[in-house]
């Protein structure tokens, strides 16, 4: 009996892909050759002869990791990473769809496995990890969208899932491989946003902005969950992923000839929404279960907004397009997304929108000073007007606060005050760190907040996602709230930074309301 047992055991060990732990999946040379020569059909054949259950997403991910890593290592090249990615996505998705398995879970596992497989292969093969991750994430998104359209599956759910998997797999794989994840995860989110736009920009039945928003939200959720799981700096990951999403959206929009501001706004909104959802345990990534008590929601929102603003600055400068328009749209999206997600999650809206607007002005200053998170884009910052960019960010935050508050039927003044406070505080904090003129920055932030309120209340806000009835908006009250918020943010940030508040006070502008003929409305000063 003992001999028979040992013989049986050895026989089983010669078989590959049989109900093994995730880290024990291996491919024989014959199986690898089949996958390489036949692509999706080869993968289907190998899966059919194995005991892997496609309902076990951990096993699906493990199989993809090995399939991708083995092919790269065998070829000593990533030139065919698009084929490798699309083959895995098509083969596994088609089987699961035919078997009635929930597609989004499997697609998330596949995209995560691709990212992990690339990183695993990089440990013994020399190639540019970030460029390869971006190409794979792009391909995964395009392939998943095409499958969703063909099989009549919810496109936006699939986009969110594939993006979440790509970023989560990148972070988890980097952590396991001892690689700094910031650059690869930024590339992953950029690739997902680009893929969403490429796959949907010519589709008549799919809204491109909604697709970008879904991709950015998924990327942010994956980044939050994987960072908490790996116990790495959450804010750094979130900032990088939001930067990649916004920059990628801008780059792809220019190439596709569609509205840059709409895409930037949608990407930024998705990033803050994704952060809130993941931080409260509502994230899409079923591969990762986390302890949400470890997450500072406001800090995460701030990081996402900062990243979005940085991506907007850097991609706009690189493409030589209007920087202020992109920044305003990104900041508007961040603020509006933060409000929308906070209302849905029943958490403090003012805290969220204040964090979002602070992040936007911080991100603008950091990018304009050459310290942006986006390593994919190297720009000449000498021609950037930091004050003008801050003003645009503050204006966008205020517009997003107005529009999202009206849409959600919550107190407009509270949201506007919080947004203006965050903009001023963020401008001061970042200006101190960057050693640039604080008074100029806070003056620009305050002016932008007021301008944004007036523009949104007049129906001219940047936020194309939200259409509101402006007839019932009390513009004078909203302007006063913005002025009050700017003052509060300036005072609090000045005290925290230990700078002379009088220097800041003297530079806060006197804000004129737009109604000179109304004697009940007088000029409002934020301080005096």
Protein backbone atom coordinates (compact mmCIF):
# COMPACT_ATOMS: atom_id res chain seq x y z
CA UNK A 1 0.00 0.00 0.00
CA UNK A 2 2.79 2.37 0.88
CA UNK A 3 4.39 1.79 -2.54
CA UNK A 4 1.09 2.33 -4.31
CA UNK A 5 0.47 5.55 -2.35
CA UNK A 6 3.87 6.96 -3.22
CA UNK A 7 3.47 5.96 -6.87
CA UNK A 8 0.08 7.64 -7.06
CA UNK A 9 1.40 10.78 -5.39
CA UNK A 10 4.35 11.05 -7.77
CA UNK A 11 2.01 10.53 -10.70
CA UNK A 12 -0.25 13.34 -9.56
CA UNK A 13 2.67 15.69 -9.04
CA UNK A 14 3.66 15.23 -12.68
CA UNK A 15 0.37 16.73 -13.73
CA UNK A 16 0.15 20.50 -13.92
CA UNK A 17 -2.59 22.83 -12.78
CA UNK A 18 -4.42 20.33 -10.57
CA UNK A 19 -6.18 21.88 -7.62
CA UNK A 20 -2.92 23.32 -6.34
CA UNK A 21 -2.40 26.28 -4.07
CA UNK A 22 -2.27 29.60 -5.94
CA UNK A 23 1.50 29.93 -5.61
CA UNK A 24 2.11 26.32 -6.76
CA UNK A 25 0.53 26.56 -10.25
CA UNK A 26 3.06 25.60 -12.92
CA UNK A 27 2.97 25.16 -16.69
CA UNK A 28 4.74 22.36 -18.54
CA UNK A 29 6.78 23.18 -21.62
CA UNK A 30 4.09 21.52 -23.74
CA UNK A 31 1.32 23.58 -22.21
CA UNK A 32 3.33 26.76 -22.60
CA UNK A 33 4.02 25.96 -26.25
CA UNK A 34 0.31 25.36 -26.80
CA UNK A 35 -0.61 28.71 -25.26
CA UNK A 36 2.04 30.55 -27.25
CA UNK A 37 1.09 28.98 -30.56
CA UNK A 38 -2.69 29.01 -30.21
CA UNK A 39 -3.35 31.99 -27.94
CA UNK A 40 -6.87 32.00 -26.51
CA UNK A 41 -7.68 28.53 -27.88
CA UNK A 42 -4.50 27.16 -26.32
CA UNK A 43 -5.45 28.61 -22.95
CA UNK A 44 -8.89 27.03 -23.22
CA UNK A 45 -7.33 23.66 -23.97
CA UNK A 46 -4.97 23.86 -21.01
CA UNK A 47 -7.79 24.92 -18.71
CA UNK A 48 -9.99 22.06 -19.89
CA UNK A 49 -7.34 19.46 -19.00
CA UNK A 50 -6.80 20.96 -15.56
CA UNK A 51 -8.87 20.87 -12.38
CA UNK A 52 -8.98 24.62 -11.93
CA UNK A 53 -12.43 25.92 -11.12
CA UNK A 54 -13.15 29.23 -12.81
CA UNK A 55 -15.47 29.99 -9.93
CA UNK A 56 -12.36 30.14 -7.72
CA UNK A 57 -10.99 33.54 -8.62
CA UNK A 58 -7.78 32.97 -6.66
CA UNK A 59 -6.99 29.98 -8.88
CA UNK A 60 -7.89 31.96 -12.00
CA UNK A 61 -5.52 34.73 -10.99
CA UNK A 62 -2.75 32.23 -10.17
CA UNK A 63 -3.13 30.56 -13.57
CA UNK A 64 -2.89 33.88 -15.40
CA UNK A 65 0.15 34.92 -13.37
CA UNK A 66 2.01 31.79 -14.45
CA UNK A 67 0.78 31.92 -18.05
CA UNK A 68 1.95 35.52 -18.46
CA UNK A 69 5.19 35.19 -16.51
CA UNK A 70 6.18 31.95 -18.25
CA UNK A 71 5.61 33.36 -21.73
CA UNK A 72 7.64 36.50 -21.05
CA UNK A 73 10.44 34.50 -19.45
CA UNK A 74 10.44 31.96 -22.29
CA UNK A 75 10.62 34.65 -24.99
CA UNK A 76 12.88 36.94 -22.95
CA UNK A 77 10.72 39.74 -24.35
CA UNK A 78 7.49 41.66 -23.76
CA UNK A 79 6.96 42.56 -27.42
CA UNK A 80 3.82 40.42 -27.56
CA UNK A 81 2.32 41.55 -24.23
CA UNK A 82 -0.83 42.75 -26.00
CA UNK A 83 -1.41 39.31 -27.50
CA UNK A 84 -0.67 37.59 -24.19
CA UNK A 85 -3.11 39.85 -22.34
CA UNK A 86 -5.95 39.69 -24.85
CA UNK A 87 -5.63 35.90 -25.21
CA UNK A 88 -5.98 35.35 -21.49
CA UNK A 89 -8.88 37.80 -21.20
CA UNK A 90 -10.79 36.36 -24.18
CA UNK A 91 -10.27 32.69 -23.34
CA UNK A 92 -11.16 32.83 -19.67
CA UNK A 93 -14.00 35.33 -20.07
CA UNK A 94 -15.68 33.35 -22.83
CA UNK A 95 -15.62 30.17 -20.76
CA UNK A 96 -17.04 31.89 -17.68
CA UNK A 97 -19.75 33.65 -19.67
CA UNK A 98 -20.80 30.36 -21.26
CA UNK A 99 -20.92 28.73 -17.82
CA UNK A 100 -22.93 31.57 -16.26
CA UNK A 101 -20.18 32.68 -13.88
CA UNK A 102 -20.18 36.36 -12.88
CA UNK A 103 -17.97 37.98 -15.50
CA UNK A 104 -16.75 41.00 -13.55
CA UNK A 105 -15.14 38.84 -10.86
CA UNK A 106 -13.24 36.77 -13.40
CA UNK A 107 -12.19 39.75 -15.51
CA UNK A 108 -10.85 41.43 -12.38
CA UNK A 109 -8.87 38.28 -11.54
CA UNK A 110 -7.47 38.06 -15.08
CA UNK A 111 -6.31 41.68 -15.20
CA UNK A 112 -4.78 41.35 -11.75
CA UNK A 113 -3.01 38.16 -12.83
CA UNK A 114 -1.61 39.86 -15.92
CA UNK A 115 -0.09 42.68 -13.83
CA UNK A 116 1.34 40.24 -11.31
CA UNK A 117 2.68 38.01 -14.08
CA UNK A 118 4.51 40.92 -15.70
CA UNK A 119 6.14 41.87 -12.44
CA UNK A 120 7.05 38.26 -11.62
CA UNK A 121 8.71 37.93 -15.04
CA UNK A 122 10.61 41.20 -14.50
CA UNK A 123 12.57 39.60 -11.69
CA UNK A 124 14.54 37.53 -14.21
CA UNK A 125 13.95 39.35 -17.50
CA UNK A 126 15.07 42.89 -18.26
CA UNK A 127 12.34 45.21 -19.58
CA UNK A 128 10.56 48.47 -18.72
CA UNK A 129 7.96 47.43 -16.16
CA UNK A 130 5.85 50.59 -16.27
CA UNK A 131 5.57 50.70 -20.05
CA UNK A 132 4.66 47.03 -20.14
CA UNK A 133 2.07 47.40 -17.39
CA UNK A 134 0.49 50.36 -19.19
CA UNK A 135 0.29 48.44 -22.47
CA UNK A 136 -1.21 45.41 -20.73
CA UNK A 137 -3.76 47.48 -18.78
CA UNK A 138 -4.78 49.27 -21.96
CA UNK A 139 -5.23 45.97 -23.78
CA UNK A 140 -7.10 44.40 -20.87
CA UNK A 141 -9.55 47.31 -20.77
CA UNK A 142 -10.15 47.32 -24.53
CA UNK A 143 -10.60 43.55 -24.68
CA UNK A 144 -12.95 43.51 -21.69
CA UNK A 145 -15.11 46.31 -23.12
CA UNK A 146 -15.37 44.56 -26.48
CA UNK A 147 -16.39 41.33 -24.76
CA UNK A 148 -18.98 43.17 -22.65
CA UNK A 149 -20.50 44.80 -25.73
CA UNK A 150 -20.52 41.52 -27.66
CA UNK A 151 -22.08 39.54 -24.80
CA UNK A 152 -24.45 42.36 -23.73
CA UNK A 153 -22.92 42.71 -20.24
CA UNK A 154 -22.84 45.92 -18.17
CA UNK A 155 -19.92 47.77 -19.76
CA UNK A 156 -19.30 50.15 -16.87
CA UNK A 157 -19.18 47.35 -14.31
CA UNK A 158 -16.66 45.51 -16.49
CA UNK A 159 -14.51 48.61 -16.96
CA UNK A 160 -14.41 49.18 -13.22
CA UNK A 161 -13.52 45.54 -12.59
CA UNK A 162 -10.72 45.32 -15.14
CA UNK A 163 -9.20 48.60 -13.93
CA UNK A 164 -9.41 47.56 -10.30
CA UNK A 165 -7.67 44.29 -11.09
CA UNK A 166 -4.88 45.96 -13.03
CA UNK A 167 -3.95 48.41 -10.27
CA UNK A 168 -4.43 45.97 -7.40
CA UNK A 169 -2.35 43.33 -9.16
CA UNK A 170 0.36 45.87 -9.86
CA UNK A 171 0.60 46.94 -6.23
CA UNK A 172 0.41 43.40 -4.84
CA UNK A 173 2.90 42.09 -7.38
CA UNK A 174 5.30 44.94 -6.72
CA UNK A 175 5.11 44.38 -3.00
CA UNK A 176 5.80 40.65 -3.36
CA UNK A 177 8.62 41.31 -5.80
CA UNK A 178 10.27 43.99 -3.67
CA UNK A 179 9.63 46.67 -6.29
CA UNK A 180 8.54 50.27 -5.61
CA UNK A 181 4.91 50.27 -6.87
CA UNK A 182 4.40 54.00 -7.48
CA UNK A 183 5.51 54.19 -11.11
CA UNK A 184 3.93 50.90 -12.27
CA UNK A 185 0.56 51.62 -10.62
CA UNK A 186 0.45 55.06 -12.20
CA UNK A 187 1.06 53.40 -15.54
CA UNK A 188 -1.64 50.80 -14.86
CA UNK A 189 -4.31 53.43 -14.19
CA UNK A 190 -3.23 55.48 -17.21
CA UNK A 191 -3.51 52.41 -19.41
CA UNK A 192 -6.98 51.60 -18.08
CA UNK A 193 -8.26 55.13 -18.67
CA UNK A 194 -6.81 55.17 -22.17
CA UNK A 195 -8.30 51.78 -22.93
CA UNK A 196 -11.73 52.89 -21.72
CA UNK A 197 -11.66 55.89 -24.05
CA UNK A 198 -10.24 53.98 -27.02
CA UNK A 199 -12.86 51.24 -26.72
CA UNK A 200 -15.86 53.53 -26.25
CA UNK A 201 -15.11 56.79 -28.10
CA UNK A 202 -16.77 55.57 -31.30
CA UNK A 203 -19.48 53.46 -29.68
CA UNK A 204 -22.90 55.04 -30.03
CA UNK A 205 -24.44 53.21 -27.08
CA UNK A 206 -21.70 53.87 -24.51
CA UNK A 207 -21.02 57.18 -22.75
CA UNK A 208 -17.29 57.91 -22.90
CA UNK A 209 -17.25 60.10 -19.79
CA UNK A 210 -19.06 57.42 -17.79
CA UNK A 211 -16.52 54.87 -19.04
CA UNK A 212 -13.60 57.02 -17.92
CA UNK A 213 -15.25 57.59 -14.58
CA UNK A 214 -15.75 53.85 -14.11
CA UNK A 215 -12.14 53.11 -15.05
CA UNK A 216 -10.78 55.72 -12.63
CA UNK A 217 -13.06 54.57 -9.83
CA UNK A 218 -11.99 50.98 -10.33
CA UNK A 219 -8.31 51.92 -10.39
CA UNK A 220 -8.67 53.91 -7.16
CA UNK A 221 -10.54 51.10 -5.43
CA UNK A 222 -7.90 48.58 -6.42
CA UNK A 223 -5.14 50.90 -5.22
CA UNK A 224 -6.77 51.45 -1.83
CA UNK A 225 -7.45 47.80 -1.18
CA UNK A 226 -4.10 46.46 -2.35
CA UNK A 227 -2.19 49.14 -0.42
CA UNK A 228 -4.01 48.36 2.82
CA UNK A 229 -3.48 44.65 2.27
CA UNK A 230 0.26 45.16 1.69
CA UNK A 231 0.50 47.69 4.53
CA UNK A 232 2.15 50.32 2.33
CA UNK A 233 1.56 54.07 2.20
CA UNK A 234 -2.02 54.42 0.99
CA UNK A 235 -1.79 58.13 0.14
CA UNK A 236 1.20 57.61 -2.15
CA UNK A 237 -0.55 54.84 -4.08
CA UNK A 238 -3.80 56.79 -4.38
CA UNK A 239 -2.02 59.94 -5.56
CA UNK A 240 -0.15 57.96 -8.21
CA UNK A 241 -3.21 56.12 -9.46
CA UNK A 242 -5.32 59.29 -9.69
CA UNK A 243 -2.51 61.08 -11.50
CA UNK A 244 -2.27 58.25 -14.01
CA UNK A 245 -6.02 58.14 -14.59
CA UNK A 246 -6.36 61.86 -15.28
CA UNK A 247 -3.22 62.13 -17.39
CA UNK A 248 -4.15 59.02 -19.35
CA UNK A 249 -7.66 60.34 -19.93
CA UNK A 250 -6.31 63.64 -21.25
CA UNK A 251 -3.76 61.97 -23.51
CA UNK A 252 -6.30 59.55 -24.98
CA UNK A 253 -8.92 62.29 -25.44
CA UNK A 254 -6.51 64.39 -27.48
CA UNK A 255 -5.69 61.39 -29.66
CA UNK A 256 -9.36 60.46 -30.06
CA UNK A 257 -10.43 64.04 -30.79
CA UNK A 258 -12.95 64.21 -27.95
CA UNK A 259 -13.45 66.74 -25.13
CA UNK A 260 -10.40 66.86 -22.86
CA UNK A 261 -12.17 68.71 -20.08
CA UNK A 262 -15.03 66.22 -19.97
CA UNK A 263 -12.60 63.32 -19.70
CA UNK A 264 -10.43 65.03 -17.09
CA UNK A 265 -13.48 65.86 -15.00
CA UNK A 266 -14.83 62.33 -15.24
CA UNK A 267 -11.47 60.75 -14.39
CA UNK A 268 -11.04 62.93 -11.32
CA UNK A 269 -14.57 62.30 -10.14
CA UNK A 270 -14.03 58.57 -10.50
CA UNK A 271 -10.85 58.69 -8.45
CA UNK A 272 -12.44 60.37 -5.43
CA UNK A 273 -15.53 58.18 -5.69
CA UNK A 274 -13.41 55.05 -5.85
CA UNK A 275 -11.41 56.08 -2.81
CA UNK A 276 -14.53 56.68 -0.72
CA UNK A 277 -16.17 53.44 -1.80
CA UNK A 278 -13.08 51.33 -1.08
CA UNK A 279 -12.35 53.11 2.20
CA UNK A 280 -15.84 52.29 3.43
CA UNK A 281 -15.74 48.67 2.34
CA UNK A 282 -17.78 49.04 -0.86
CA UNK A 283 -14.92 48.55 -3.31
CA UNK A 284 -15.33 46.33 -6.36
CA UNK A 285 -12.23 44.23 -5.76
CA UNK A 286 -13.44 40.87 -4.49
CA UNK A 287 -9.92 39.45 -4.45
CA UNK A 288 -8.96 41.55 -1.45
CA UNK A 289 -10.68 41.83 1.92
CA UNK A 290 -9.32 44.64 4.11
CA UNK A 291 -9.76 46.21 7.51
CA UNK A 292 -11.25 49.59 6.63
CA UNK A 293 -10.69 50.97 10.15
CA UNK A 294 -7.08 51.62 9.11
CA UNK A 295 -8.08 54.07 6.39
CA UNK A 296 -8.22 57.86 6.84
CA UNK A 297 -10.95 58.69 4.33
CA UNK A 298 -10.30 62.45 4.18
CA UNK A 299 -6.56 61.95 3.73
CA UNK A 300 -7.21 59.46 0.94
CA UNK A 301 -9.59 61.86 -0.83
CA UNK A 302 -6.99 64.60 -0.55
CA UNK A 303 -4.35 62.34 -2.08
CA UNK A 304 -6.63 61.37 -4.96
CA UNK A 305 -7.47 64.99 -5.72
CA UNK A 306 -3.82 66.00 -5.57
CA UNK A 307 -2.93 63.24 -7.98
CA UNK A 308 -5.71 64.21 -10.38
CA UNK A 309 -4.56 67.83 -10.40
CA UNK A 310 -0.95 66.80 -10.96
CA UNK A 311 -1.92 64.57 -13.85
CA UNK A 312 -3.97 67.39 -15.36
CA UNK A 313 -1.09 69.84 -15.12
CA UNK A 314 1.54 67.52 -16.50
CA UNK A 315 -0.51 66.05 -19.35
CA UNK A 316 -1.71 69.50 -20.41
CA UNK A 317 1.78 70.96 -20.48
CA UNK A 318 3.07 67.95 -22.40
CA UNK A 319 0.27 68.26 -24.95
CA UNK A 320 0.53 72.05 -25.07
CA UNK A 321 -3.15 72.59 -24.35
CA UNK A 322 -4.86 75.07 -22.02
CA UNK A 323 -3.64 74.21 -18.52
CA UNK A 324 -6.31 76.20 -16.68
CA UNK A 325 -9.19 74.44 -18.44
CA UNK A 326 -7.84 70.98 -17.60
CA UNK A 327 -7.08 71.86 -14.00
CA UNK A 328 -10.48 73.46 -13.48
CA UNK A 329 -12.20 70.37 -14.88
CA UNK A 330 -10.11 67.99 -12.77
CA UNK A 331 -10.75 69.94 -9.58
CA UNK A 332 -14.44 70.16 -10.35
CA UNK A 333 -14.59 66.42 -10.81
CA UNK A 334 -12.70 65.73 -7.59
CA UNK A 335 -14.99 67.92 -5.50
CA UNK A 336 -18.18 66.69 -7.12
CA UNK A 337 -17.10 63.06 -6.91
CA UNK A 338 -16.25 63.45 -3.25
CA UNK A 339 -19.68 64.91 -2.52
CA UNK A 340 -21.56 62.30 -4.52
CA UNK A 341 -19.75 59.39 -2.90
CA UNK A 342 -20.07 60.88 0.58
CA UNK A 343 -23.82 61.38 0.20
CA UNK A 344 -24.20 57.80 -1.00
CA UNK A 345 -22.07 56.50 1.88
CA UNK A 346 -23.71 58.78 4.44
CA UNK A 347 -20.46 60.33 5.68
CA UNK A 348 -19.61 63.97 6.37
CA UNK A 349 -19.81 65.83 3.07
CA UNK A 350 -18.03 68.96 4.24
CA UNK A 351 -14.98 67.01 5.38
CA UNK A 352 -14.80 65.22 2.05
CA UNK A 353 -15.15 68.25 -0.18
CA UNK A 354 -12.68 70.22 1.93
CA UNK A 355 -10.16 67.42 1.54
CA UNK A 356 -10.79 67.23 -2.21
CA UNK A 357 -10.32 70.94 -2.79
CA UNK A 358 -7.22 71.05 -0.59
CA UNK A 359 -5.75 68.22 -2.61
CA UNK A 360 -6.45 69.98 -5.89
CA UNK A 361 -4.58 73.15 -4.99
CA UNK A 362 -1.77 71.16 -3.40
CA UNK A 363 -1.44 69.03 -6.50
CA UNK A 364 -1.31 72.06 -8.77
CA UNK A 365 1.48 73.66 -6.75
CA UNK A 366 3.43 70.41 -6.55
CA UNK A 367 3.21 69.78 -10.30
CA UNK A 368 4.03 73.40 -11.13
CA UNK A 369 7.10 73.11 -8.90
CA UNK A 370 8.29 69.98 -10.68
CA UNK A 371 7.28 67.64 -7.86
CA UNK A 372 4.23 66.02 -9.39
CA UNK A 373 3.53 62.33 -8.95
CA UNK A 374 3.44 61.53 -12.65
CA UNK A 375 6.75 59.87 -13.54
CA UNK A 376 5.46 59.03 -17.01
CA UNK A 377 5.60 62.69 -18.01
CA UNK A 378 8.62 64.96 -17.68
CA UNK A 379 7.75 68.61 -18.29
CA UNK A 380 9.41 72.02 -18.25
CA UNK A 381 7.74 73.83 -15.37
CA UNK A 382 9.37 77.21 -15.97
CA UNK A 383 6.45 78.54 -18.01
CA UNK A 384 3.69 77.44 -15.63
CA UNK A 385 1.85 80.31 -13.93
CA UNK A 386 1.31 78.74 -10.51
CA UNK A 387 -1.10 81.43 -9.33
CA UNK A 388 -3.27 81.05 -12.41
CA UNK A 389 -3.30 77.28 -11.98
CA UNK A 390 -4.27 77.60 -8.31
CA UNK A 391 -7.08 79.96 -9.25
CA UNK A 392 -8.33 77.45 -11.83
CA UNK A 393 -8.21 74.60 -9.30
CA UNK A 394 -10.09 76.61 -6.69
CA UNK A 395 -12.66 77.70 -9.24
CA UNK A 396 -13.18 74.11 -10.33
CA UNK A 397 -13.57 72.89 -6.75
CA UNK A 398 -16.19 75.55 -6.05
CA UNK A 399 -18.07 74.72 -9.24
CA UNK A 400 -18.08 71.03 -8.40
CA UNK A 401 -19.28 71.82 -4.88
CA UNK A 402 -22.15 73.94 -6.15
CA UNK A 403 -23.33 71.53 -8.82
CA UNK A 404 -23.04 68.34 -6.78
CA UNK A 405 -24.74 69.95 -3.79
CA UNK A 406 -27.69 71.15 -5.84
CA UNK A 407 -27.98 67.75 -7.51
CA UNK A 408 -27.92 65.97 -4.13
CA UNK A 409 -30.22 68.56 -2.54
CA UNK A 410 -27.84 69.25 0.37
CA UNK A 411 -26.82 72.55 1.96
CA UNK A 412 -25.01 74.48 -0.77
CA UNK A 413 -23.41 77.05 1.54
CA UNK A 414 -21.81 74.38 3.72
CA UNK A 415 -20.25 72.64 0.73
CA UNK A 416 -19.00 75.86 -0.83
CA UNK A 417 -17.51 77.07 2.44
CA UNK A 418 -15.73 73.75 2.91
CA UNK A 419 -14.44 73.77 -0.67
CA UNK A 420 -13.10 77.31 -0.39
CA UNK A 421 -11.52 76.56 2.96
CA UNK A 422 -9.78 73.52 1.54
CA UNK A 423 -8.55 75.41 -1.51
CA UNK A 424 -6.99 78.18 0.57
CA UNK A 425 -5.47 75.81 3.10
CA UNK A 426 -4.09 73.51 0.41
CA UNK A 427 -2.58 76.45 -1.46
CA UNK A 428 -0.82 77.69 1.67
CA UNK A 429 0.46 74.28 2.74
CA UNK A 430 1.85 73.44 -0.69
CA UNK A 431 3.32 76.92 -1.19
CA UNK A 432 5.19 76.72 2.09
CA UNK A 433 6.56 73.31 1.13
CA UNK A 434 7.53 74.53 -2.35
CA UNK A 435 8.96 77.79 -1.02
CA UNK A 436 6.86 79.99 -3.28
CA UNK A 437 4.94 83.16 -2.44
CA UNK A 438 2.18 82.20 -0.01
CA UNK A 439 0.26 85.47 -0.31
CA UNK A 440 0.01 85.15 -4.09
CA UNK A 441 -1.20 81.56 -3.77
CA UNK A 442 -3.91 82.23 -1.21
CA UNK A 443 -5.09 85.29 -3.10
CA UNK A 444 -5.44 83.16 -6.24
CA UNK A 445 -7.25 80.43 -4.30
CA UNK A 446 -9.71 82.85 -2.76
CA UNK A 447 -10.44 84.60 -6.05
CA UNK A 448 -10.89 81.26 -7.80
CA UNK A 449 -13.37 80.01 -5.22
CA UNK A 450 -15.59 83.04 -5.64
CA UNK A 451 -15.36 82.99 -9.40
CA UNK A 452 -16.26 79.32 -9.45
CA UNK A 453 -19.33 79.87 -7.32
CA UNK A 454 -20.61 82.64 -9.58
CA UNK A 455 -19.92 80.63 -12.73
CA UNK A 456 -21.66 77.49 -11.45
CA UNK A 457 -24.59 79.42 -10.01
CA UNK A 458 -24.99 81.14 -13.37
CA UNK A 459 -25.08 77.81 -15.20
CA UNK A 460 -21.55 78.08 -16.59
CA UNK A 461 -19.76 75.54 -14.42
CA UNK A 462 -17.15 73.16 -15.81
CA UNK A 463 -18.94 70.02 -14.66
CA UNK A 464 -20.50 68.44 -17.73
CA UNK A 465 -21.58 65.38 -15.74
CA UNK A 466 -24.13 67.33 -13.72
CA UNK A 467 -26.91 69.47 -15.16
CA UNK A 468 -28.71 71.54 -12.53
CA UNK A 469 -31.47 74.09 -12.25
CA UNK A 470 -29.73 77.28 -11.11
CA UNK A 471 -32.89 79.31 -10.57
CA UNK A 472 -33.09 78.61 -6.85
CA UNK A 473 -29.43 79.28 -6.03
CA UNK A 474 -28.83 82.28 -3.77
CA UNK A 475 -25.65 83.54 -5.42
CA UNK A 476 -24.93 86.19 -2.81
CA UNK A 477 -25.15 83.63 0.00
CA UNK A 478 -22.94 81.23 -1.93
CA UNK A 479 -20.34 83.96 -2.57
CA UNK A 480 -20.35 84.87 1.09
CA UNK A 481 -19.85 81.22 2.02
CA UNK A 482 -16.89 81.01 -0.37
CA UNK A 483 -15.34 84.14 1.11
CA UNK A 484 -15.84 82.90 4.65
CA UNK A 485 -14.35 79.51 3.75
CA UNK A 486 -11.30 81.08 2.15
CA UNK A 487 -10.70 83.11 5.28
CA UNK A 488 -11.06 80.12 7.57
CA UNK A 489 -8.75 77.99 5.46
CA UNK A 490 -6.16 80.74 5.27
CA UNK A 491 -6.16 81.36 9.01
CA UNK A 492 -6.00 77.71 9.98
CA UNK A 493 -3.29 76.82 7.48
CA UNK A 494 -1.24 79.89 8.39
CA UNK A 495 -1.34 79.00 12.06
CA UNK A 496 -0.41 75.40 11.32
CA UNK A 497 2.46 76.48 9.07
CA UNK A 498 3.58 79.11 11.60
CA UNK A 499 3.52 81.98 9.12
CA UNK A 500 2.40 85.58 9.68
CA UNK A 501 -1.37 85.66 9.27
CA UNK A 502 -1.31 89.42 8.70
CA UNK A 503 0.69 88.91 5.53
CA UNK A 504 -1.96 86.53 4.28
CA UNK A 505 -4.90 88.65 5.45
CA UNK A 506 -3.71 91.73 3.61
CA UNK A 507 -3.64 89.86 0.34
CA UNK A 508 -7.08 88.29 0.51
CA UNK A 509 -9.13 90.20 -2.05
CA UNK A 510 -12.28 92.19 -1.48
CA UNK A 511 -14.93 90.16 -3.25
CA UNK A 512 -17.63 92.06 -5.10
CA UNK A 513 -20.95 90.29 -5.55
CA UNK A 514 -22.40 90.26 -9.07
CA UNK A 515 -25.47 92.30 -8.05
CA UNK A 516 -24.51 95.95 -7.56
CA UNK A 517 -28.11 97.06 -7.84
CA UNK A 518 -29.27 95.06 -4.83
CA UNK A 519 -28.87 97.22 -1.69
CA UNK A 520 -29.22 94.18 0.56
CA UNK A 521 -26.00 92.74 -0.83
CA UNK A 522 -22.74 94.49 -0.02
CA UNK A 523 -19.10 93.77 -0.91
CA UNK A 524 -17.84 90.92 1.21
CA UNK A 525 -14.30 90.71 2.53
CA UNK A 526 -13.07 87.33 3.75
CA UNK A 527 -11.34 88.88 6.78
CA UNK A 528 -12.35 92.47 7.42
